[in-house]
Amino acid sequence: MPDRDWIPENVGRVMYDSFKILGLSLGASETEVKVAYRTLSRKYHPDKHNSEETGLSDAEAVQMFQHLNNAHAYLRDRL
């Protein structure tokens, strides 16, 4: 996984970690969340993932994609 300041277990459960996995601060708007999610989900999508670009194995990219989905679903319900 890339360097991070979020806890994987908290993504989709805690605002801070859900914003941080998307590369956003706590004050991000709904539009910022949507744009960040779309950008990152394209990058880590299992069918489109490029290991050379991300530095992640296929299994790690799948896990990252799942974290992104959890964060997006959590934030979408709260914003």
C-alpha atoms as a PDB file:
ATOM      1  CA  MET A   1       0.000   0.000   0.000  1.00  0.00           C
ATOM      2  CA  PRO A   2       1.152   3.556  -0.571  1.00  0.00           C
ATOM      3  CA  ASP A   3       2.345   5.625   2.380  1.00  0.00           C
ATOM      4  CA  ARG A   4      -0.715   6.461   4.399  1.00  0.00           C
ATOM      5  CA  ASP A   5      -1.935   8.312   7.437  1.00  0.00           C
ATOM      6  CA  TRP A   6      -5.221   6.394   7.621  1.00  0.00           C
ATOM      7  CA  ILE A   7      -6.082   3.103   9.284  1.00  0.00           C
ATOM      8  CA  PRO A   8      -7.538   0.487   6.903  1.00  0.00           C
ATOM      9  CA  GLU A   9      -9.875  -0.954   9.545  1.00  0.00           C
ATOM     10  CA  ASN A  10     -11.416   2.482  10.125  1.00  0.00           C
ATOM     11  CA  VAL A  11     -12.161   3.279   6.479  1.00  0.00           C
ATOM     12  CA  GLY A  12     -15.929   3.295   6.076  1.00  0.00           C
ATOM     13  CA  ARG A  13     -16.401   3.639   9.838  1.00  0.00           C
ATOM     14  CA  VAL A  14     -14.586   6.841  10.794  1.00  0.00           C
ATOM     15  CA  MET A  15     -14.777  10.191   8.989  1.00  0.00           C
ATOM     16  CA  TYR A  16     -11.073  10.987   9.323  1.00  0.00           C
ATOM     17  CA  ASP A  17      -9.842   7.753   7.731  1.00  0.00           C
ATOM     18  CA  SER A  18     -12.543   7.803   5.065  1.00  0.00           C
ATOM     19  CA  PHE A  19     -11.524  11.310   3.980  1.00  0.00           C
ATOM     20  CA  LYS A  20      -7.792  10.553   4.190  1.00  0.00           C
ATOM     21  CA  ILE A  21      -7.899   7.476   1.931  1.00  0.00           C
ATOM     22  CA  LEU A  22      -9.419   9.754  -0.706  1.00  0.00           C
ATOM     23  CA  GLY A  23      -6.636  12.285  -0.125  1.00  0.00           C
ATOM     24  CA  LEU A  24      -9.021  14.882   1.293  1.00  0.00           C
ATOM     25  CA  SER A  25      -9.224  16.974   4.448  1.00  0.00           C
ATOM     26  CA  LEU A  26     -12.131  16.777   6.897  1.00  0.00           C
ATOM     27  CA  GLY A  27     -13.813  19.847   5.399  1.00  0.00           C
ATOM     28  CA  ALA A  28     -14.126  18.428   1.872  1.00  0.00           C
ATOM     29  CA  SER A  29     -17.402  18.915   0.036  1.00  0.00           C
ATOM     30  CA  GLU A  30     -19.613  16.237  -1.480  1.00  0.00           C
ATOM     31  CA  THR A  31     -18.351  17.194  -4.952  1.00  0.00           C
ATOM     32  CA  GLU A  32     -14.711  16.888  -3.856  1.00  0.00           C
ATOM     33  CA  VAL A  33     -15.445  13.431  -2.442  1.00  0.00           C
ATOM     34  CA  LYS A  34     -17.098  12.346  -5.695  1.00  0.00           C
ATOM     35  CA  VAL A  35     -14.221  13.605  -7.865  1.00  0.00           C
ATOM     36  CA  ALA A  36     -11.533  12.052  -5.647  1.00  0.00           C
ATOM     37  CA  TYR A  37     -13.393   8.737  -5.523  1.00  0.00           C
ATOM     38  CA  ARG A  38     -13.830   8.575  -9.301  1.00  0.00           C
ATOM     39  CA  THR A  39     -10.188   9.412  -9.940  1.00  0.00           C
ATOM     40  CA  LEU A  40      -8.834   6.864  -7.461  1.00  0.00           C
ATOM     41  CA  SER A  41     -11.329   4.143  -8.330  1.00  0.00           C
ATOM     42  CA  ARG A  42     -10.214   4.309 -11.980  1.00  0.00           C
ATOM     43  CA  LYS A  43      -6.594   4.021 -10.872  1.00  0.00           C
ATOM     44  CA  TYR A  44      -7.125   1.016  -8.557  1.00  0.00           C
ATOM     45  CA  HIS A  45      -9.997  -0.762 -10.340  1.00  0.00           C
ATOM     46  CA  PRO A  46      -9.109  -4.470 -10.654  1.00  0.00           C
ATOM     47  CA  ASP A  47      -9.741  -4.462 -14.416  1.00  0.00           C
ATOM     48  CA  LYS A  48      -7.744  -1.289 -15.096  1.00  0.00           C
ATOM     49  CA  HIS A  49      -4.988  -1.468 -12.479  1.00  0.00           C
ATOM     50  CA  ASN A  50      -1.413  -0.853 -13.690  1.00  0.00           C
ATOM     51  CA  SER A  51       1.144  -2.239 -11.212  1.00  0.00           C
ATOM     52  CA  GLU A  52       3.931  -0.084 -12.632  1.00  0.00           C
ATOM     53  CA  GLU A  53       1.923   3.093 -12.045  1.00  0.00           C
ATOM     54  CA  THR A  54       0.632   2.317  -8.545  1.00  0.00           C
ATOM     55  CA  GLY A  55       3.413   0.146  -7.149  1.00  0.00           C
ATOM     56  CA  LEU A  56       0.806  -2.313  -5.841  1.00  0.00           C
ATOM     57  CA  SER A  57       0.255  -5.950  -6.621  1.00  0.00           C
ATOM     58  CA  ASP A  58      -3.093  -6.951  -8.097  1.00  0.00           C
ATOM     59  CA  ALA A  59      -4.294  -8.227  -4.701  1.00  0.00           C
ATOM     60  CA  GLU A  60      -3.256  -4.982  -2.986  1.00  0.00           C
ATOM     61  CA  ALA A  61      -5.029  -2.936  -5.670  1.00  0.00           C
ATOM     62  CA  VAL A  62      -8.225  -4.941  -5.122  1.00  0.00           C
ATOM     63  CA  GLN A  63      -7.976  -4.275  -1.395  1.00  0.00           C
ATOM     64  CA  MET A  64      -7.393  -0.554  -2.025  1.00  0.00           C
ATOM     65  CA  PHE A  65     -10.387  -0.459  -4.385  1.00  0.00           C
ATOM     66  CA  GLN A  66     -12.556  -2.050  -1.678  1.00  0.00           C
ATOM     67  CA  HIS A  67     -11.365   0.540   0.850  1.00  0.00           C
ATOM     68  CA  LEU A  68     -12.197   3.322  -1.603  1.00  0.00           C
ATOM     69  CA  ASN A  69     -15.696   1.925  -2.118  1.00  0.00           C
ATOM     70  CA  ASN A  70     -16.240   1.664   1.642  1.00  0.00           C
ATOM     71  CA  ALA A  71     -15.066   5.232   2.191  1.00  0.00           C
ATOM     72  CA  HIS A  72     -17.221   6.588  -0.618  1.00  0.00           C
ATOM     73  CA  ALA A  73     -20.361   4.783   0.576  1.00  0.00           C
ATOM     74  CA  TYR A  74     -19.778   5.953   4.158  1.00  0.00           C
ATOM     75  CA  LEU A  75     -19.186   9.594   3.198  1.00  0.00           C
ATOM     76  CA  ARG A  76     -22.020   9.673   0.672  1.00  0.00           C
ATOM     77  CA  ASP A  77     -24.440   8.784   3.488  1.00  0.00           C
ATOM     78  CA  ARG A  78     -23.065  11.480   5.788  1.00  0.00           C
ATOM     79  CA  LEU A  79     -22.597  14.465   3.482  1.00  0.00           C
END
